[in-house]
Amino acid sequence: MTFGTVLFGVLILLIVVVVARSVALIPEGEAAVIERLGRYTRTVSGELTLLIPFIERIRAKVDTRERVFSFPPQAVITQDNLTVAIDTVVTFQVNEPERAIYGVDNYIVGVEQISTATLRDVVGGMTLEETLTSRDVINRRLRGELDAATTKWGLRISRVELKAIDPPPSIQQSMEMQM
C-alpha cells in the first residue's frame, strides 16, 4: 500500500463525511431549527435541506403535530377548604418551533406547571359544588389562560379537558349516602 493510496482513501472518507453532514432530511410533521455558528438562521419543515458542513447544524427537531398530554392528578383546595384531585388533559401544537426551542427550556414541563398553577387559581375561587358542576367554565378559563401564557413559546393550546374531579373520600361517601 503506497502513500498515495492511503491519501486517496483518507480524501474519499473526508468527502463522505462532508456530504453526510451537509444533507438533512426533515420528515413531514417535524420542523428543524438550524443554527449557523451558534445563531439561529432558519426553520425548515418536511423537506431535504442542505447545510454548510461544520458551520451550520440542526439545533433541535420539534414535532409540529397536535399533541395530547395527560398530566397526573393535582391536589387542589377549593374555596370551602376541601382538597380535590383533578386530572387534566391538554392538547397543543407547536406553531413556531424556534420560539419553542429558544423561549423556554422544556415546553412540555412548562405547560404542565402553568396548567397546575392556573387550575389551582381557578378552582381555588370555587366551592366544591361549583367545581363539580362547572367543568365547561373551568375548561374555558384554563384554555384561555394557558393559551395566553404559552403564545410567547410558539405554542397554541387547542383543548383543555378535566378527565376526573375526585372529591375527598369522606365527602364522596356522604354524597353516596345522600343518594
N, C-alpha and C. Protein backbone atom coordinates (compact mmCIF):
# COMPACT_ATOMS: atom_id res chain seq x y z
N MET A 1 0.85 -1.17 0.00
CA MET A 1 0.00 0.00 0.00
C MET A 1 0.90 1.24 0.00
N THR A 2 0.69 2.09 -0.93
CA THR A 2 1.54 3.26 -1.06
C THR A 2 0.93 4.45 -0.33
N PHE A 3 1.76 5.48 -0.20
CA PHE A 3 1.31 6.70 0.46
C PHE A 3 0.17 7.34 -0.33
N GLY A 4 0.22 7.29 -1.61
CA GLY A 4 -0.82 7.87 -2.47
C GLY A 4 -2.16 7.17 -2.28
N THR A 5 -2.16 5.85 -2.12
CA THR A 5 -3.39 5.10 -1.91
C THR A 5 -4.02 5.45 -0.57
N VAL A 6 -3.20 5.56 0.46
CA VAL A 6 -3.70 5.93 1.78
C VAL A 6 -4.26 7.35 1.75
N LEU A 7 -3.57 8.26 1.11
CA LEU A 7 -4.03 9.63 0.99
C LEU A 7 -5.35 9.71 0.23
N PHE A 8 -5.46 8.92 -0.83
CA PHE A 8 -6.70 8.87 -1.62
C PHE A 8 -7.86 8.33 -0.76
N GLY A 9 -7.61 7.29 0.04
CA GLY A 9 -8.63 6.72 0.92
C GLY A 9 -9.09 7.72 1.97
N VAL A 10 -8.17 8.46 2.56
CA VAL A 10 -8.50 9.47 3.57
C VAL A 10 -9.30 10.60 2.92
N LEU A 11 -8.93 10.99 1.71
CA LEU A 11 -9.64 12.04 0.99
C LEU A 11 -11.08 11.61 0.68
N ILE A 12 -11.28 10.38 0.25
CA ILE A 12 -12.62 9.85 -0.02
C ILE A 12 -13.44 9.82 1.27
N LEU A 13 -12.84 9.38 2.37
CA LEU A 13 -13.53 9.35 3.66
C LEU A 13 -13.93 10.76 4.09
N LEU A 14 -13.06 11.74 3.89
CA LEU A 14 -13.36 13.12 4.24
C LEU A 14 -14.52 13.66 3.40
N ILE A 15 -14.54 13.34 2.13
CA ILE A 15 -15.62 13.77 1.25
C ILE A 15 -16.95 13.15 1.69
N VAL A 16 -16.94 11.88 2.05
CA VAL A 16 -18.16 11.21 2.52
C VAL A 16 -18.68 11.87 3.80
N VAL A 17 -17.80 12.20 4.73
CA VAL A 17 -18.19 12.84 5.98
C VAL A 17 -18.79 14.23 5.70
N VAL A 18 -18.16 15.00 4.81
CA VAL A 18 -18.65 16.34 4.48
C VAL A 18 -20.03 16.26 3.85
N VAL A 19 -20.23 15.34 2.91
CA VAL A 19 -21.53 15.19 2.26
C VAL A 19 -22.58 14.74 3.27
N ALA A 20 -22.23 13.81 4.16
CA ALA A 20 -23.18 13.32 5.16
C ALA A 20 -23.59 14.43 6.12
N ARG A 21 -22.68 15.32 6.45
CA ARG A 21 -23.00 16.42 7.37
C ARG A 21 -23.74 17.56 6.69
N SER A 22 -23.76 17.58 5.38
CA SER A 22 -24.38 18.70 4.68
C SER A 22 -25.80 18.42 4.21
N VAL A 23 -26.29 17.21 4.35
CA VAL A 23 -27.63 16.86 3.90
C VAL A 23 -28.45 16.40 5.09
N ALA A 24 -29.64 16.98 5.23
CA ALA A 24 -30.55 16.58 6.31
C ALA A 24 -31.94 16.40 5.72
N LEU A 25 -32.57 15.30 6.06
CA LEU A 25 -33.94 15.04 5.62
C LEU A 25 -34.86 15.27 6.81
N ILE A 26 -35.73 16.26 6.69
CA ILE A 26 -36.67 16.58 7.75
C ILE A 26 -38.03 16.03 7.33
N PRO A 27 -38.57 15.05 8.05
CA PRO A 27 -39.86 14.46 7.67
C PRO A 27 -41.04 15.41 7.87
N GLU A 28 -42.11 15.11 7.19
CA GLU A 28 -43.35 15.88 7.35
C GLU A 28 -43.82 15.75 8.79
N GLY A 29 -44.32 16.83 9.36
CA GLY A 29 -44.79 16.81 10.75
C GLY A 29 -43.70 17.14 11.75
N GLU A 30 -42.50 17.40 11.25
CA GLU A 30 -41.41 17.83 12.12
C GLU A 30 -40.82 19.12 11.55
N ALA A 31 -40.21 19.88 12.40
CA ALA A 31 -39.50 21.09 11.98
C ALA A 31 -38.12 21.05 12.62
N ALA A 32 -37.14 21.53 11.89
CA ALA A 32 -35.77 21.57 12.40
C ALA A 32 -35.34 23.02 12.54
N VAL A 33 -34.81 23.36 13.69
CA VAL A 33 -34.27 24.69 13.95
C VAL A 33 -32.79 24.63 13.61
N ILE A 34 -32.36 25.46 12.66
CA ILE A 34 -30.98 25.42 12.17
C ILE A 34 -30.23 26.65 12.65
N GLU A 35 -29.00 26.40 13.14
CA GLU A 35 -28.12 27.46 13.60
C GLU A 35 -26.88 27.52 12.71
N ARG A 36 -26.40 28.73 12.52
CA ARG A 36 -25.12 28.94 11.82
C ARG A 36 -24.17 29.57 12.81
N LEU A 37 -23.13 28.85 13.14
CA LEU A 37 -22.14 29.30 14.13
C LEU A 37 -22.80 29.72 15.44
N GLY A 38 -23.80 28.95 15.86
CA GLY A 38 -24.44 29.16 17.15
C GLY A 38 -25.58 30.17 17.15
N ARG A 39 -25.91 30.75 16.00
CA ARG A 39 -27.01 31.72 15.92
C ARG A 39 -28.12 31.14 15.06
N TYR A 40 -29.34 31.42 15.47
CA TYR A 40 -30.50 30.94 14.71
C TYR A 40 -30.49 31.55 13.30
N THR A 41 -30.71 30.69 12.29
CA THR A 41 -30.80 31.20 10.91
C THR A 41 -32.15 30.93 10.28
N ARG A 42 -32.66 29.69 10.43
CA ARG A 42 -33.92 29.36 9.77
C ARG A 42 -34.54 28.12 10.40
N THR A 43 -35.82 27.93 10.04
CA THR A 43 -36.55 26.73 10.42
C THR A 43 -37.02 26.06 9.15
N VAL A 44 -36.79 24.77 9.04
CA VAL A 44 -37.23 24.02 7.86
C VAL A 44 -38.15 22.90 8.31
N SER A 45 -39.09 22.55 7.42
CA SER A 45 -40.06 21.51 7.77
C SER A 45 -40.41 20.68 6.55
N GLY A 46 -40.36 19.37 6.69
CA GLY A 46 -40.81 18.45 5.65
C GLY A 46 -40.07 18.56 4.34
N GLU A 47 -38.75 18.63 4.38
CA GLU A 47 -38.00 18.74 3.13
C GLU A 47 -36.56 18.27 3.30
N LEU A 48 -35.91 18.11 2.17
CA LEU A 48 -34.49 17.82 2.13
C LEU A 48 -33.76 19.15 2.26
N THR A 49 -32.83 19.24 3.18
CA THR A 49 -32.17 20.51 3.48
C THR A 49 -30.67 20.36 3.33
N LEU A 50 -30.07 21.36 2.73
CA LEU A 50 -28.62 21.38 2.60
C LEU A 50 -28.04 22.31 3.65
N LEU A 51 -27.03 21.82 4.34
CA LEU A 51 -26.36 22.59 5.39
C LEU A 51 -24.91 22.84 4.97
N ILE A 52 -24.37 23.94 5.44
CA ILE A 52 -22.94 24.20 5.23
C ILE A 52 -22.20 23.37 6.27
N PRO A 53 -21.41 22.38 5.82
CA PRO A 53 -20.76 21.47 6.78
C PRO A 53 -19.86 22.21 7.78
N PHE A 54 -19.95 21.78 9.03
CA PHE A 54 -19.15 22.28 10.15
C PHE A 54 -19.47 23.73 10.53
N ILE A 55 -20.33 24.41 9.78
CA ILE A 55 -20.72 25.79 10.09
C ILE A 55 -22.18 25.82 10.55
N GLU A 56 -23.03 25.10 9.84
CA GLU A 56 -24.45 25.02 10.22
C GLU A 56 -24.72 23.68 10.86
N ARG A 57 -25.70 23.70 11.78
CA ARG A 57 -26.10 22.45 12.41
C ARG A 57 -27.58 22.53 12.78
N ILE A 58 -28.18 21.37 12.93
CA ILE A 58 -29.57 21.31 13.39
C ILE A 58 -29.53 21.38 14.91
N ARG A 59 -30.09 22.43 15.47
CA ARG A 59 -30.10 22.61 16.93
C ARG A 59 -31.07 21.63 17.58
N ALA A 60 -32.27 21.52 16.99
CA ALA A 60 -33.28 20.62 17.55
C ALA A 60 -34.35 20.34 16.50
N LYS A 61 -34.96 19.19 16.64
CA LYS A 61 -36.13 18.85 15.83
C LYS A 61 -37.35 18.89 16.75
N VAL A 62 -38.43 19.47 16.23
CA VAL A 62 -39.65 19.65 17.02
C VAL A 62 -40.81 19.00 16.28
N ASP A 63 -41.61 18.26 17.01
CA ASP A 63 -42.82 17.65 16.44
C ASP A 63 -43.89 18.74 16.32
N THR A 64 -44.36 19.01 15.10
CA THR A 64 -45.32 20.10 14.89
C THR A 64 -46.76 19.59 14.80
N ARG A 65 -46.96 18.30 15.00
CA ARG A 65 -48.32 17.78 15.01
C ARG A 65 -48.99 18.13 16.33
N GLU A 66 -50.32 18.07 16.34
CA GLU A 66 -51.05 18.33 17.58
C GLU A 66 -50.74 17.20 18.55
N ARG A 67 -50.45 17.56 19.79
CA ARG A 67 -50.05 16.57 20.80
C ARG A 67 -51.00 16.62 21.99
N VAL A 68 -51.23 15.46 22.56
CA VAL A 68 -52.13 15.34 23.71
C VAL A 68 -51.30 14.85 24.90
N PHE A 69 -51.36 15.60 26.00
CA PHE A 69 -50.65 15.21 27.20
C PHE A 69 -51.63 15.11 28.36
N SER A 70 -51.55 13.99 29.05
CA SER A 70 -52.35 13.77 30.24
C SER A 70 -51.43 13.97 31.44
N PHE A 71 -51.79 14.89 32.29
CA PHE A 71 -50.97 15.18 33.44
C PHE A 71 -51.52 14.46 34.67
N PRO A 72 -50.66 14.07 35.60
CA PRO A 72 -51.11 13.34 36.78
C PRO A 72 -52.07 14.17 37.62
N PRO A 73 -52.86 13.50 38.46
CA PRO A 73 -53.83 14.23 39.30
C PRO A 73 -53.15 15.28 40.17
N GLN A 74 -53.78 16.44 40.24
CA GLN A 74 -53.27 17.54 41.06
C GLN A 74 -54.19 17.75 42.24
N ALA A 75 -53.62 17.90 43.41
CA ALA A 75 -54.41 18.21 44.61
C ALA A 75 -54.69 19.70 44.61
N VAL A 76 -55.96 20.05 44.62
CA VAL A 76 -56.38 21.45 44.55
C VAL A 76 -57.33 21.71 45.71
N ILE A 77 -57.16 22.86 46.38
CA ILE A 77 -58.01 23.22 47.51
C ILE A 77 -59.10 24.18 47.01
N THR A 78 -60.35 23.83 47.27
CA THR A 78 -61.47 24.67 46.84
C THR A 78 -61.66 25.82 47.83
N GLN A 79 -62.59 26.71 47.51
CA GLN A 79 -62.86 27.87 48.35
C GLN A 79 -63.38 27.45 49.73
N ASP A 80 -64.07 26.30 49.81
CA ASP A 80 -64.57 25.83 51.10
C ASP A 80 -63.59 24.88 51.79
N ASN A 81 -62.30 25.00 51.47
CA ASN A 81 -61.19 24.28 52.11
C ASN A 81 -61.28 22.76 52.02
N LEU A 82 -61.74 22.26 50.90
CA LEU A 82 -61.74 20.83 50.64
C LEU A 82 -60.72 20.53 49.55
N THR A 83 -60.00 19.44 49.70
CA THR A 83 -58.98 19.08 48.71
C THR A 83 -59.58 18.10 47.71
N VAL A 84 -59.50 18.46 46.43
CA VAL A 84 -59.96 17.57 45.36
C VAL A 84 -58.77 17.24 44.46
N ALA A 85 -58.79 16.04 43.89
CA ALA A 85 -57.76 15.64 42.93
C ALA A 85 -58.35 15.78 41.54
N ILE A 86 -57.65 16.52 40.68
CA ILE A 86 -58.15 16.80 39.34
C ILE A 86 -57.14 16.34 38.30
N ASP A 87 -57.59 15.48 37.37
CA ASP A 87 -56.79 15.04 36.23
C ASP A 87 -57.08 15.96 35.06
N THR A 88 -56.04 16.40 34.37
CA THR A 88 -56.24 17.25 33.20
C THR A 88 -55.58 16.65 31.97
N VAL A 89 -56.14 16.96 30.83
CA VAL A 89 -55.58 16.59 29.53
C VAL A 89 -55.47 17.88 28.72
N VAL A 90 -54.27 18.15 28.22
CA VAL A 90 -54.03 19.36 27.45
C VAL A 90 -53.62 18.96 26.04
N THR A 91 -54.28 19.55 25.04
CA THR A 91 -53.96 19.32 23.64
C THR A 91 -53.36 20.61 23.10
N PHE A 92 -52.14 20.49 22.53
CA PHE A 92 -51.49 21.69 22.00
C PHE A 92 -50.68 21.36 20.76
N GLN A 93 -50.25 22.41 20.08
CA GLN A 93 -49.47 22.27 18.86
C GLN A 93 -48.38 23.33 18.86
N VAL A 94 -47.20 22.94 18.39
CA VAL A 94 -46.10 23.90 18.25
C VAL A 94 -46.26 24.58 16.89
N ASN A 95 -46.50 25.90 16.90
CA ASN A 95 -46.66 26.67 15.67
C ASN A 95 -45.36 27.35 15.24
N GLU A 96 -44.55 27.73 16.21
CA GLU A 96 -43.29 28.41 15.92
C GLU A 96 -42.17 27.66 16.63
N PRO A 97 -41.55 26.69 15.95
CA PRO A 97 -40.53 25.84 16.59
C PRO A 97 -39.36 26.61 17.18
N GLU A 98 -38.94 27.68 16.52
CA GLU A 98 -37.79 28.43 17.04
C GLU A 98 -38.11 29.07 18.39
N ARG A 99 -39.35 29.52 18.58
CA ARG A 99 -39.74 30.09 19.87
C ARG A 99 -39.87 28.99 20.92
N ALA A 100 -40.29 27.79 20.52
CA ALA A 100 -40.40 26.68 21.47
C ALA A 100 -39.02 26.23 21.94
N ILE A 101 -38.01 26.37 21.09
CA ILE A 101 -36.65 25.97 21.47
C ILE A 101 -35.95 27.06 22.28
N TYR A 102 -36.06 28.31 21.82
CA TYR A 102 -35.32 29.40 22.46
C TYR A 102 -36.11 30.11 23.56
N GLY A 103 -37.43 29.97 23.57
CA GLY A 103 -38.26 30.70 24.52
C GLY A 103 -38.38 30.05 25.89
N VAL A 104 -38.19 28.74 25.95
CA VAL A 104 -38.36 28.02 27.21
C VAL A 104 -37.47 26.78 27.17
N ASP A 105 -37.01 26.35 28.33
CA ASP A 105 -36.12 25.19 28.40
C ASP A 105 -36.82 23.91 27.96
N ASN A 106 -38.01 23.65 28.51
CA ASN A 106 -38.76 22.44 28.18
C ASN A 106 -40.24 22.82 28.15
N TYR A 107 -40.79 22.97 26.95
CA TYR A 107 -42.16 23.49 26.85
C TYR A 107 -43.20 22.52 27.39
N ILE A 108 -42.94 21.23 27.40
CA ILE A 108 -43.91 20.28 27.95
C ILE A 108 -44.02 20.45 29.47
N VAL A 109 -42.88 20.55 30.14
CA VAL A 109 -42.88 20.80 31.58
C VAL A 109 -43.49 22.16 31.87
N GLY A 110 -43.21 23.14 31.02
CA GLY A 110 -43.78 24.47 31.20
C GLY A 110 -45.29 24.45 31.12
N VAL A 111 -45.84 23.73 30.14
CA VAL A 111 -47.30 23.61 30.01
C VAL A 111 -47.88 22.94 31.25
N GLU A 112 -47.22 21.90 31.73
CA GLU A 112 -47.70 21.20 32.93
C GLU A 112 -47.71 22.13 34.14
N GLN A 113 -46.64 22.87 34.34
CA GLN A 113 -46.55 23.74 35.51
C GLN A 113 -47.56 24.89 35.44
N ILE A 114 -47.72 25.48 34.27
CA ILE A 114 -48.68 26.58 34.13
C ILE A 114 -50.10 26.06 34.28
N SER A 115 -50.37 24.87 33.74
CA SER A 115 -51.74 24.32 33.87
C SER A 115 -52.04 24.01 35.34
N THR A 116 -51.06 23.51 36.08
CA THR A 116 -51.26 23.24 37.50
C THR A 116 -51.53 24.52 38.27
N ALA A 117 -50.73 25.54 38.04
CA ALA A 117 -50.91 26.81 38.76
C ALA A 117 -52.24 27.46 38.39
N THR A 118 -52.59 27.42 37.12
CA THR A 118 -53.85 28.02 36.68
C THR A 118 -55.04 27.25 37.22
N LEU A 119 -54.94 25.92 37.23
CA LEU A 119 -56.01 25.08 37.77
C LEU A 119 -56.23 25.40 39.25
N ARG A 120 -55.16 25.55 40.00
CA ARG A 120 -55.29 25.88 41.43
C ARG A 120 -55.91 27.26 41.62
N ASP A 121 -55.57 28.19 40.74
CA ASP A 121 -56.14 29.54 40.82
C ASP A 121 -57.63 29.52 40.50
N VAL A 122 -58.01 28.82 39.45
CA VAL A 122 -59.42 28.79 39.02
C VAL A 122 -60.28 28.06 40.05
N VAL A 123 -59.86 26.85 40.43
CA VAL A 123 -60.66 26.04 41.36
C VAL A 123 -60.61 26.62 42.77
N GLY A 124 -59.54 27.29 43.11
CA GLY A 124 -59.43 27.90 44.44
C GLY A 124 -60.48 28.96 44.70
N GLY A 125 -61.06 29.52 43.65
CA GLY A 125 -62.11 30.52 43.81
C GLY A 125 -63.51 29.94 43.71
N MET A 126 -63.64 28.62 43.70
CA MET A 126 -64.94 27.96 43.58
C MET A 126 -65.17 27.04 44.77
N THR A 127 -66.43 26.80 45.08
CA THR A 127 -66.77 25.82 46.11
C THR A 127 -66.72 24.44 45.47
N LEU A 128 -66.81 23.39 46.29
CA LEU A 128 -66.78 22.03 45.77
C LEU A 128 -67.94 21.79 44.81
N GLU A 129 -69.12 22.26 45.17
CA GLU A 129 -70.30 22.07 44.32
C GLU A 129 -70.11 22.76 42.97
N GLU A 130 -69.59 23.99 42.99
CA GLU A 130 -69.34 24.71 41.73
C GLU A 130 -68.30 23.99 40.88
N THR A 131 -67.29 23.45 41.55
CA THR A 131 -66.24 22.73 40.83
C THR A 131 -66.79 21.50 40.14
N LEU A 132 -67.64 20.77 40.84
CA LEU A 132 -68.20 19.53 40.27
C LEU A 132 -69.19 19.80 39.14
N THR A 133 -69.83 20.96 39.15
CA THR A 133 -70.86 21.24 38.14
C THR A 133 -70.41 22.21 37.05
N SER A 134 -69.19 22.72 37.12
CA SER A 134 -68.75 23.76 36.18
C SER A 134 -67.54 23.34 35.36
N ARG A 135 -67.52 22.13 34.86
CA ARG A 135 -66.39 21.67 34.07
C ARG A 135 -66.13 22.56 32.85
N ASP A 136 -67.19 22.93 32.15
CA ASP A 136 -67.02 23.75 30.94
C ASP A 136 -66.40 25.10 31.25
N VAL A 137 -66.83 25.72 32.35
CA VAL A 137 -66.28 27.01 32.75
C VAL A 137 -64.80 26.86 33.08
N ILE A 138 -64.46 25.83 33.83
CA ILE A 138 -63.05 25.59 34.20
C ILE A 138 -62.23 25.31 32.95
N ASN A 139 -62.73 24.46 32.04
CA ASN A 139 -62.01 24.16 30.81
C ASN A 139 -61.74 25.41 29.99
N ARG A 140 -62.75 26.28 29.83
CA ARG A 140 -62.59 27.50 29.04
C ARG A 140 -61.57 28.44 29.66
N ARG A 141 -61.66 28.62 30.98
CA ARG A 141 -60.71 29.53 31.65
C ARG A 141 -59.29 28.99 31.58
N LEU A 142 -59.15 27.67 31.80
CA LEU A 142 -57.82 27.07 31.71
C LEU A 142 -57.24 27.24 30.31
N ARG A 143 -58.05 26.94 29.29
CA ARG A 143 -57.58 27.03 27.91
C ARG A 143 -57.17 28.46 27.58
N GLY A 144 -58.00 29.43 27.94
CA GLY A 144 -57.69 30.82 27.65
C GLY A 144 -56.41 31.29 28.32
N GLU A 145 -56.25 31.00 29.60
CA GLU A 145 -55.07 31.44 30.32
C GLU A 145 -53.81 30.69 29.87
N LEU A 146 -53.94 29.39 29.60
CA LEU A 146 -52.80 28.63 29.10
C LEU A 146 -52.38 29.12 27.72
N ASP A 147 -53.34 29.36 26.86
CA ASP A 147 -53.03 29.83 25.50
C ASP A 147 -52.32 31.18 25.56
N ALA A 148 -52.80 32.06 26.42
CA ALA A 148 -52.16 33.38 26.55
C ALA A 148 -50.73 33.25 27.09
N ALA A 149 -50.53 32.34 28.03
CA ALA A 149 -49.20 32.20 28.65
C ALA A 149 -48.20 31.50 27.73
N THR A 150 -48.67 30.59 26.88
CA THR A 150 -47.75 29.81 26.04
C THR A 150 -47.57 30.37 24.64
N THR A 151 -48.26 31.43 24.30
CA THR A 151 -48.12 32.04 22.97
C THR A 151 -46.68 32.50 22.74
N LYS A 152 -46.06 33.05 23.76
CA LYS A 152 -44.68 33.52 23.60
C LYS A 152 -43.69 32.37 23.40
N TRP A 153 -44.13 31.13 23.67
CA TRP A 153 -43.29 29.95 23.42
C TRP A 153 -43.58 29.33 22.06
N GLY A 154 -44.46 29.95 21.29
CA GLY A 154 -44.78 29.41 19.98
C GLY A 154 -45.77 28.26 20.01
N LEU A 155 -46.52 28.13 21.10
CA LEU A 155 -47.49 27.05 21.24
C LEU A 155 -48.91 27.59 21.09
N ARG A 156 -49.80 26.72 20.63
CA ARG A 156 -51.23 27.04 20.59
C ARG A 156 -51.96 25.94 21.35
N ILE A 157 -52.65 26.31 22.41
CA ILE A 157 -53.42 25.36 23.20
C ILE A 157 -54.79 25.22 22.53
N SER A 158 -55.12 24.02 22.07
CA SER A 158 -56.39 23.85 21.38
C SER A 158 -57.49 23.34 22.30
N ARG A 159 -57.14 22.51 23.28
CA ARG A 159 -58.16 21.99 24.21
C ARG A 159 -57.56 21.75 25.57
N VAL A 160 -58.39 21.94 26.57
CA VAL A 160 -58.06 21.53 27.94
C VAL A 160 -59.29 20.82 28.46
N GLU A 161 -59.11 19.62 28.92
CA GLU A 161 -60.23 18.83 29.46
C GLU A 161 -59.89 18.34 30.85
N LEU A 162 -60.89 18.38 31.71
CA LEU A 162 -60.75 17.77 33.04
C LEU A 162 -61.23 16.33 32.91
N LYS A 163 -60.33 15.37 33.10
CA LYS A 163 -60.71 13.97 33.00
C LYS A 163 -61.54 13.53 34.18
N ALA A 164 -61.08 13.91 35.35
CA ALA A 164 -61.77 13.47 36.57
C ALA A 164 -61.58 14.50 37.67
N ILE A 165 -62.65 14.68 38.44
CA ILE A 165 -62.59 15.50 39.65
C ILE A 165 -62.99 14.59 40.80
N ASP A 166 -62.02 14.27 41.63
CA ASP A 166 -62.27 13.34 42.73
C ASP A 166 -62.29 14.09 44.06
N PRO A 167 -63.48 14.20 44.68
CA PRO A 167 -63.55 14.84 45.99
C PRO A 167 -62.91 13.94 47.06
N PRO A 168 -62.69 14.46 48.25
CA PRO A 168 -62.13 13.64 49.32
C PRO A 168 -63.03 12.44 49.61
N PRO A 169 -62.46 11.31 50.03
CA PRO A 169 -63.25 10.09 50.27
C PRO A 169 -64.42 10.31 51.23
N SER A 170 -64.24 11.11 52.28
CA SER A 170 -65.33 11.31 53.24
C SER A 170 -66.50 12.04 52.58
N ILE A 171 -66.22 13.02 51.75
CA ILE A 171 -67.28 13.75 51.03
C ILE A 171 -67.95 12.83 50.02
N GLN A 172 -67.14 12.02 49.37
CA GLN A 172 -67.69 11.09 48.38
C GLN A 172 -68.65 10.09 49.05
N GLN A 173 -68.29 9.60 50.23
CA GLN A 173 -69.17 8.68 50.96
C GLN A 173 -70.46 9.39 51.37
N SER A 174 -70.35 10.64 51.81
CA SER A 174 -71.55 11.39 52.19
C SER A 174 -72.46 11.59 50.99
N MET A 175 -71.88 11.87 49.84
CA MET A 175 -72.68 12.08 48.62
C MET A 175 -73.39 10.78 48.23
N GLU A 176 -72.68 9.66 48.36
CA GLU A 176 -73.27 8.36 48.00
C GLU A 176 -74.41 8.01 48.97
N MET A 177 -74.23 8.33 50.27
CA MET A 177 -75.26 8.03 51.25
C MET A 177 -76.50 8.90 51.01
N GLN A 178 -76.31 10.15 50.57
CA GLN A 178 -77.43 11.04 50.28
C GLN A 178 -78.26 10.49 49.13
N MET A 179 -77.61 9.90 48.16
CA MET A 179 -78.33 9.37 47.01
C MET A 179 -79.13 8.17 47.42
